[in-house]
Amino acid sequence: MTITMYQASVPVFQRLLDNCIAILKKAEAHAISSGGDTRQMIEAKLASDMFPLKVQIQILADGARGCVARLAEQALPSPDAGQFAVFNRGYHQDFVESHQTFTSLIAYLHDAIDYLDAIPPAKLEGSETTPVEVTWRGNTRYFHGLPFLRDYALPNFYFHLTISYAILRIAGVPLGKQDFEGTPVYSTGPAGPHQTWQH
């Protein structure tokens, strides 16, 4: 069985963004129940020279949306449209969106999921060789679809998701590996139906 570019991108991004929403909801509930400051948690960093949680989440949403938009050859508002930036911004001033609440961050992730949901699989057919351009501040990097997804977009996506998880874990949010992965799906055998893990 051949895995399509759609299968390797859209469902992966959607599932992990959805997992991230669940993690943020758990973080907000923990902050409130423990008498903590939700704003302080949103501003938390893993290290002083890294982006805070609120920016890590924005990077996730923008990266997933921007990756799929380029693979599907969707028109962008501009070559360097922020909501379609793909892991290529490195300065705090590059982030004009100011998400100061968990509600705002969660809504931003939902918007990205909805965007991905509107892309039909056929739009990514043959995108392995689609020329891809990523532009920011007048600098453009050039890719072809498959290495863009496999070697650039997905590793960056997992990086920022992992950093977000680590920020919240260090902040004391009771997260585990399954929060990151989501509910695993196992097969009963080589040709059997899939089953969801039961708690």
Foldseek 3Di string as FASTA:
>chain_A
DDDAPLNLALVVLLVQLVLVLVLLVLLVVVCVVVVHDQLVLQQFFPDPQDGGLLVLLQQLLLQSLLLVCQLLVHDDPDLAPSSNARPPDRDPVSDPDDDRGSVSSSVSSVVSSVSSVPDDPVSNGPQQARWGWHDDPRDIDIDGNNCCSPVPRVVSSVVSLVRSVVSSVVVPRPDDPCSSVPFDWAAPDPPGDIDTDDD
